[in-house]
Amino acid sequence: VDESFASVSQALTERYMAHYPNTKINL
């Protein structure tokens, strides 16, 4: 992702990985 969208992208990936602990999305 572009740095301009880093905050919302990080928030979404962190929430998803918390919901599914066996996943890893490298931002």
PDB file of all heavy atoms in Angstrom:
ATOM      1  N   VAL A   1       0.842  -1.198   0.000  1.00  0.00           N
ATOM      2  CA  VAL A   1       0.000   0.000   0.000  1.00  0.00           C
ATOM      3  C   VAL A   1       0.872   1.241   0.000  1.00  0.00           C
ATOM      4  O   VAL A   1       1.995   1.239   0.509  1.00  0.00           O
ATOM      5  CB  VAL A   1      -0.955   0.036   1.222  1.00  0.00           C
ATOM      6  CG1 VAL A   1      -1.823  -1.188   1.276  1.00  0.00           C
ATOM      7  CG2 VAL A   1      -0.178   0.193   2.528  1.00  0.00           C
ATOM      8  N   ASP A   2       0.336   2.299  -0.571  1.00  0.00           N
ATOM      9  CA  ASP A   2       0.999   3.593  -0.505  1.00  0.00           C
ATOM     10  C   ASP A   2       1.026   4.068   0.945  1.00  0.00           C
ATOM     11  O   ASP A   2       0.117   3.768   1.729  1.00  0.00           O
ATOM     12  CB  ASP A   2       0.240   4.603  -1.370  1.00  0.00           C
ATOM     13  CG  ASP A   2       1.024   5.874  -1.605  1.00  0.00           C
ATOM     14  OD1 ASP A   2       1.008   6.758  -0.719  1.00  0.00           O
ATOM     15  OD2 ASP A   2       1.641   5.999  -2.675  1.00  0.00           O
ATOM     16  N   GLU A   3       2.061   4.812   1.296  1.00  0.00           N
ATOM     17  CA  GLU A   3       2.172   5.318   2.674  1.00  0.00           C
ATOM     18  C   GLU A   3       0.966   6.153   3.080  1.00  0.00           C
ATOM     19  O   GLU A   3       0.604   6.211   4.261  1.00  0.00           O
ATOM     20  CB  GLU A   3       3.452   6.147   2.790  1.00  0.00           C
ATOM     21  CG  GLU A   3       3.771   6.611   4.201  1.00  0.00           C
ATOM     22  CD  GLU A   3       3.756   8.125   4.338  1.00  0.00           C
ATOM     23  OE1 GLU A   3       3.611   8.812   3.311  1.00  0.00           O
ATOM     24  OE2 GLU A   3       3.850   8.614   5.474  1.00  0.00           O
ATOM     25  N   SER A   4       0.285   6.755   2.118  1.00  0.00           N
ATOM     26  CA  SER A   4      -0.889   7.569   2.404  1.00  0.00           C
ATOM     27  C   SER A   4      -2.029   6.757   3.009  1.00  0.00           C
ATOM     28  O   SER A   4      -2.873   7.298   3.719  1.00  0.00           O
ATOM     29  CB  SER A   4      -1.387   8.242   1.123  1.00  0.00           C
ATOM     30  OG  SER A   4      -0.398   9.094   0.591  1.00  0.00           O
ATOM     31  N   PHE A   5      -2.074   5.452   2.707  1.00  0.00           N
ATOM     32  CA  PHE A   5      -3.142   4.592   3.224  1.00  0.00           C
ATOM     33  C   PHE A   5      -2.639   3.643   4.307  1.00  0.00           C
ATOM     34  O   PHE A   5      -3.331   2.686   4.670  1.00  0.00           O
ATOM     35  CB  PHE A   5      -3.754   3.734   2.100  1.00  0.00           C
ATOM     36  CG  PHE A   5      -3.873   4.421   0.778  1.00  0.00           C
ATOM     37  CD1 PHE A   5      -3.452   3.787  -0.382  1.00  0.00           C
ATOM     38  CD2 PHE A   5      -4.400   5.697   0.677  1.00  0.00           C
ATOM     39  CE1 PHE A   5      -3.556   4.403  -1.617  1.00  0.00           C
ATOM     40  CE2 PHE A   5      -4.503   6.334  -0.552  1.00  0.00           C
ATOM     41  CZ  PHE A   5      -4.087   5.682  -1.703  1.00  0.00           C
ATOM     42  N   ALA A   6      -1.451   3.880   4.816  1.00  0.00           N
ATOM     43  CA  ALA A   6      -0.833   2.927   5.745  1.00  0.00           C
ATOM     44  C   ALA A   6      -1.642   2.750   7.026  1.00  0.00           C
ATOM     45  O   ALA A   6      -1.781   1.633   7.532  1.00  0.00           O
ATOM     46  CB  ALA A   6       0.584   3.372   6.087  1.00  0.00           C
ATOM     47  N   SER A   7      -2.195   3.832   7.544  1.00  0.00           N
ATOM     48  CA  SER A   7      -2.892   3.758   8.827  1.00  0.00           C
ATOM     49  C   SER A   7      -4.127   2.866   8.761  1.00  0.00           C
ATOM     50  O   SER A   7      -4.289   1.941   9.560  1.00  0.00           O
ATOM     51  CB  SER A   7      -3.290   5.168   9.295  1.00  0.00           C
ATOM     52  OG  SER A   7      -3.882   5.118  10.577  1.00  0.00           O
ATOM     53  N   VAL A   8      -5.006   3.116   7.798  1.00  0.00           N
ATOM     54  CA  VAL A   8      -6.221   2.306   7.685  1.00  0.00           C
ATOM     55  C   VAL A   8      -5.883   0.879   7.276  1.00  0.00           C
ATOM     56  O   VAL A   8      -6.514  -0.079   7.739  1.00  0.00           O
ATOM     57  CB  VAL A   8      -7.235   2.944   6.713  1.00  0.00           C
ATOM     58  CG1 VAL A   8      -6.733   2.943   5.279  1.00  0.00           C
ATOM     59  CG2 VAL A   8      -8.586   2.258   6.815  1.00  0.00           C
ATOM     60  N   SER A   9      -4.863   0.699   6.432  1.00  0.00           N
ATOM     61  CA  SER A   9      -4.462  -0.643   6.009  1.00  0.00           C
ATOM     62  C   SER A   9      -3.922  -1.443   7.185  1.00  0.00           C
ATOM     63  O   SER A   9      -4.243  -2.625   7.348  1.00  0.00           O
ATOM     64  CB  SER A   9      -3.407  -0.552   4.905  1.00  0.00           C
ATOM     65  OG  SER A   9      -3.909   0.142   3.780  1.00  0.00           O
ATOM     66  N   GLN A  10      -3.119  -0.800   8.014  1.00  0.00           N
ATOM     67  CA  GLN A  10      -2.572  -1.474   9.189  1.00  0.00           C
ATOM     68  C   GLN A  10      -3.680  -1.848  10.165  1.00  0.00           C
ATOM     69  O   GLN A  10      -3.688  -2.946  10.723  1.00  0.00           O
ATOM     70  CB  GLN A  10      -1.546  -0.573   9.883  1.00  0.00           C
ATOM     71  CG  GLN A  10      -0.899  -1.219  11.097  1.00  0.00           C
ATOM     72  CD  GLN A  10       0.120  -0.310  11.766  1.00  0.00           C
ATOM     73  OE1 GLN A  10       0.174   0.882  11.499  1.00  0.00           O
ATOM     74  NE2 GLN A  10       0.938  -0.873  12.631  1.00  0.00           N
ATOM     75  N   ALA A  11      -4.621  -0.941  10.376  1.00  0.00           N
ATOM     76  CA  ALA A  11      -5.722  -1.208  11.294  1.00  0.00           C
ATOM     77  C   ALA A  11      -6.549  -2.402  10.820  1.00  0.00           C
ATOM     78  O   ALA A  11      -6.950  -3.259  11.626  1.00  0.00           O
ATOM     79  CB  ALA A  11      -6.604   0.035  11.436  1.00  0.00           C
ATOM     80  N   LEU A  12      -6.815  -2.478   9.527  1.00  0.00           N
ATOM     81  CA  LEU A  12      -7.609  -3.586   8.986  1.00  0.00           C
ATOM     82  C   LEU A  12      -6.864  -4.914   9.067  1.00  0.00           C
ATOM     83  O   LEU A  12      -7.444  -5.937   9.446  1.00  0.00           O
ATOM     84  CB  LEU A  12      -7.997  -3.288   7.544  1.00  0.00           C
ATOM     85  CG  LEU A  12      -9.113  -2.249   7.346  1.00  0.00           C
ATOM     86  CD1 LEU A  12      -9.180  -1.806   5.892  1.00  0.00           C
ATOM     87  CD2 LEU A  12     -10.464  -2.811   7.788  1.00  0.00           C
ATOM     88  N   THR A  13      -5.570  -4.913   8.711  1.00  0.00           N
ATOM     89  CA  THR A  13      -4.814  -6.162   8.761  1.00  0.00           C
ATOM     90  C   THR A  13      -4.660  -6.658  10.198  1.00  0.00           C
ATOM     91  O   THR A  13      -4.770  -7.858  10.459  1.00  0.00           O
ATOM     92  CB  THR A  13      -3.430  -6.010   8.112  1.00  0.00           C
ATOM     93  OG1 THR A  13      -2.728  -4.919   8.723  1.00  0.00           O
ATOM     94  CG2 THR A  13      -3.545  -5.759   6.617  1.00  0.00           C
ATOM     95  N   GLU A  14      -4.428  -5.747  11.131  1.00  0.00           N
ATOM     96  CA  GLU A  14      -4.287  -6.151  12.528  1.00  0.00           C
ATOM     97  C   GLU A  14      -5.587  -6.738  13.063  1.00  0.00           C
ATOM     98  O   GLU A  14      -5.575  -7.736  13.794  1.00  0.00           O
ATOM     99  CB  GLU A  14      -3.857  -4.949  13.379  1.00  0.00           C
ATOM    100  CG  GLU A  14      -2.402  -4.544  13.157  1.00  0.00           C
ATOM    101  CD  GLU A  14      -2.004  -3.338  13.986  1.00  0.00           C
ATOM    102  OE1 GLU A  14      -2.886  -2.714  14.614  1.00  0.00           O
ATOM    103  OE2 GLU A  14      -0.792  -3.010  13.999  1.00  0.00           O
ATOM    104  N   ARG A  15      -6.706  -6.136  12.699  1.00  0.00           N
ATOM    105  CA  ARG A  15      -7.998  -6.649  13.156  1.00  0.00           C
ATOM    106  C   ARG A  15      -8.276  -8.012  12.543  1.00  0.00           C
ATOM    107  O   ARG A  15      -8.793  -8.909  13.213  1.00  0.00           O
ATOM    108  CB  ARG A  15      -9.117  -5.657  12.785  1.00  0.00           C
ATOM    109  CG  ARG A  15     -10.491  -6.066  13.311  1.00  0.00           C
ATOM    110  CD  ARG A  15     -10.521  -5.989  14.836  1.00  0.00           C
ATOM    111  NE  ARG A  15     -11.760  -6.492  15.384  1.00  0.00           N
ATOM    112  CZ  ARG A  15     -11.997  -7.760  15.698  1.00  0.00           C
ATOM    113  NH1 ARG A  15     -11.033  -8.665  15.511  1.00  0.00           N
ATOM    114  NH2 ARG A  15     -13.144  -8.137  16.211  1.00  0.00           N
ATOM    115  N   TYR A  16      -7.934  -8.172  11.294  1.00  0.00           N
ATOM    116  CA  TYR A  16      -8.172  -9.457  10.630  1.00  0.00           C
ATOM    117  C   TYR A  16      -7.318 -10.554  11.257  1.00  0.00           C
ATOM    118  O   TYR A  16      -7.809 -11.659  11.533  1.00  0.00           O
ATOM    119  CB  TYR A  16      -7.862  -9.337   9.142  1.00  0.00           C
ATOM    120  CG  TYR A  16      -8.271 -10.562   8.351  1.00  0.00           C
ATOM    121  CD1 TYR A  16      -9.574 -10.708   7.884  1.00  0.00           C
ATOM    122  CD2 TYR A  16      -7.349 -11.579   8.063  1.00  0.00           C
ATOM    123  CE1 TYR A  16      -9.959 -11.832   7.160  1.00  0.00           C
ATOM    124  CE2 TYR A  16      -7.727 -12.707   7.349  1.00  0.00           C
ATOM    125  CZ  TYR A  16      -9.031 -12.820   6.894  1.00  0.00           C
ATOM    126  OH  TYR A  16      -9.415 -13.942   6.190  1.00  0.00           O
ATOM    127  N   MET A  17      -6.043 -10.266  11.491  1.00  0.00           N
ATOM    128  CA  MET A  17      -5.153 -11.277  12.059  1.00  0.00           C
ATOM    129  C   MET A  17      -5.539 -11.618  13.497  1.00  0.00           C
ATOM    130  O   MET A  17      -5.336 -12.745  13.949  1.00  0.00           O
ATOM    131  CB  MET A  17      -3.698 -10.805  11.967  1.00  0.00           C
ATOM    132  CG  MET A  17      -3.160 -10.776  10.545  1.00  0.00           C
ATOM    133  SD  MET A  17      -1.383 -10.406  10.425  1.00  0.00           S
ATOM    134  CE  MET A  17      -1.351  -8.672  10.909  1.00  0.00           C
ATOM    135  N   ALA A  18      -6.100 -10.646  14.218  1.00  0.00           N
ATOM    136  CA  ALA A  18      -6.591 -10.934  15.565  1.00  0.00           C
ATOM    137  C   ALA A  18      -7.799 -11.858  15.503  1.00  0.00           C
ATOM    138  O   ALA A  18      -7.990 -12.718  16.368  1.00  0.00           O
ATOM    139  CB  ALA A  18      -6.956  -9.634  16.279  1.00  0.00           C
ATOM    140  N   HIS A  19      -8.615 -11.676  14.463  1.00  0.00           N
ATOM    141  CA  HIS A  19      -9.810 -12.507  14.274  1.00  0.00           C
ATOM    142  C   HIS A  19      -9.434 -13.913  13.820  1.00  0.00           C
ATOM    143  O   HIS A  19     -10.084 -14.896  14.188  1.00  0.00           O
ATOM    144  CB  HIS A  19     -10.730 -11.838  13.258  1.00  0.00           C
ATOM    145  CG  HIS A  19     -12.134 -12.342  13.278  1.00  0.00           C
ATOM    146  ND1 HIS A  19     -12.967 -12.189  14.364  1.00  0.00           N
ATOM    147  CD2 HIS A  19     -12.863 -13.008  12.345  1.00  0.00           C
ATOM    148  CE1 HIS A  19     -14.141 -12.722  14.097  1.00  0.00           C
ATOM    149  NE2 HIS A  19     -14.105 -13.239  12.888  1.00  0.00           N
ATOM    150  N   TYR A  20      -8.366 -13.989  13.002  1.00  0.00           N
ATOM    151  CA  TYR A  20      -7.874 -15.280  12.506  1.00  0.00           C
ATOM    152  C   TYR A  20      -6.393 -15.406  12.861  1.00  0.00           C
ATOM    153  O   TYR A  20      -5.514 -15.021  12.074  1.00  0.00           O
ATOM    154  CB  TYR A  20      -8.065 -15.384  10.990  1.00  0.00           C
ATOM    155  CG  TYR A  20      -9.511 -15.327  10.552  1.00  0.00           C
ATOM    156  CD1 TYR A  20     -10.026 -14.189   9.919  1.00  0.00           C
ATOM    157  CD2 TYR A  20     -10.375 -16.407  10.760  1.00  0.00           C
ATOM    158  CE1 TYR A  20     -11.350 -14.135   9.525  1.00  0.00           C
ATOM    159  CE2 TYR A  20     -11.698 -16.360  10.367  1.00  0.00           C
ATOM    160  CZ  TYR A  20     -12.186 -15.212   9.748  1.00  0.00           C
ATOM    161  OH  TYR A  20     -13.499 -15.159   9.353  1.00  0.00           O
ATOM    162  N   PRO A  21      -6.092 -15.939  14.049  1.00  0.00           N
ATOM    163  CA  PRO A  21      -4.704 -15.971  14.548  1.00  0.00           C
ATOM    164  C   PRO A  21      -3.730 -16.764  13.684  1.00  0.00           C
ATOM    165  O   PRO A  21      -2.518 -16.585  13.805  1.00  0.00           O
ATOM    166  CB  PRO A  21      -4.856 -16.620  15.933  1.00  0.00           C
ATOM    167  CG  PRO A  21      -6.287 -16.420  16.315  1.00  0.00           C
ATOM    168  CD  PRO A  21      -7.046 -16.464  15.029  1.00  0.00           C
ATOM    169  N   ASN A  22      -4.233 -17.647  12.834  1.00  0.00           N
ATOM    170  CA  ASN A  22      -3.350 -18.446  11.995  1.00  0.00           C
ATOM    171  C   ASN A  22      -3.024 -17.775  10.662  1.00  0.00           C
ATOM    172  O   ASN A  22      -2.485 -18.418   9.761  1.00  0.00           O
ATOM    173  CB  ASN A  22      -3.970 -19.824  11.734  1.00  0.00           C
ATOM    174  CG  ASN A  22      -4.034 -20.667  13.003  1.00  0.00           C
ATOM    175  OD1 ASN A  22      -3.145 -20.605  13.847  1.00  0.00           O
ATOM    176  ND2 ASN A  22      -5.092 -21.447  13.146  1.00  0.00           N
ATOM    177  N   THR A  23      -3.375 -16.504  10.538  1.00  0.00           N
ATOM    178  CA  THR A  23      -3.058 -15.768   9.315  1.00  0.00           C
ATOM    179  C   THR A  23      -1.977 -14.730   9.589  1.00  0.00           C
ATOM    180  O   THR A  23      -1.831 -14.256  10.712  1.00  0.00           O
ATOM    181  CB  THR A  23      -4.293 -15.048   8.746  1.00  0.00           C
ATOM    182  OG1 THR A  23      -4.752 -14.069   9.701  1.00  0.00           O
ATOM    183  CG2 THR A  23      -5.412 -16.034   8.458  1.00  0.00           C
ATOM    184  N   LYS A  24      -1.244 -14.391   8.541  1.00  0.00           N
ATOM    185  CA  LYS A  24      -0.246 -13.334   8.636  1.00  0.00           C
ATOM    186  C   LYS A  24      -0.248 -12.545   7.332  1.00  0.00           C
ATOM    187  O   LYS A  24       0.014 -13.092   6.261  1.00  0.00           O
ATOM    188  CB  LYS A  24       1.149 -13.904   8.894  1.00  0.00           C
ATOM    189  CG  LYS A  24       2.205 -12.817   9.134  1.00  0.00           C
ATOM    190  CD  LYS A  24       3.559 -13.409   9.486  1.00  0.00           C
ATOM    191  CE  LYS A  24       4.573 -12.314   9.769  1.00  0.00           C
ATOM    192  NZ  LYS A  24       5.911 -12.875  10.072  1.00  0.00           N
ATOM    193  N   ILE A  25      -0.567 -11.258   7.433  1.00  0.00           N
ATOM    194  CA  ILE A  25      -0.556 -10.371   6.275  1.00  0.00           C
ATOM    195  C   ILE A  25       0.589  -9.389   6.464  1.00  0.00           C
ATOM    196  O   ILE A  25       0.548  -8.532   7.350  1.00  0.00           O
ATOM    197  CB  ILE A  25      -1.899  -9.632   6.120  1.00  0.00           C
ATOM    198  CG1 ILE A  25      -3.048 -10.634   5.981  1.00  0.00           C
ATOM    199  CG2 ILE A  25      -1.850  -8.693   4.911  1.00  0.00           C
ATOM    200  CD1 ILE A  25      -4.420  -9.994   5.948  1.00  0.00           C
ATOM    201  N   ASN A  26       1.609  -9.528   5.654  1.00  0.00           N
ATOM    202  CA  ASN A  26       2.790  -8.668   5.744  1.00  0.00           C
ATOM    203  C   ASN A  26       2.526  -7.377   4.970  1.00  0.00           C
ATOM    204  O   ASN A  26       2.443  -7.395   3.736  1.00  0.00           O
ATOM    205  CB  ASN A  26       4.013  -9.379   5.180  1.00  0.00           C
ATOM    206  CG  ASN A  26       4.351 -10.640   5.955  1.00  0.00           C
ATOM    207  OD1 ASN A  26       4.537 -10.603   7.160  1.00  0.00           O
ATOM    208  ND2 ASN A  26       4.418 -11.767   5.257  1.00  0.00           N
ATOM    209  N   LEU A  27       2.387  -6.287   5.705  1.00  0.00           N
ATOM    210  CA  LEU A  27       2.081  -4.995   5.089  1.00  0.00           C
ATOM    211  C   LEU A  27       3.372  -4.325   4.643  1.00  0.00           C
ATOM    212  O   LEU A  27       4.264  -4.077   5.448  1.00  0.00           O
ATOM    213  CB  LEU A  27       1.335  -4.117   6.096  1.00  0.00           C
ATOM    214  CG  LEU A  27       0.655  -2.873   5.540  1.00  0.00           C
ATOM    215  CD1 LEU A  27      -0.438  -3.242   4.552  1.00  0.00           C
ATOM    216  CD2 LEU A  27       0.063  -2.044   6.679  1.00  0.00           C
TER     217      LEU A  27
END
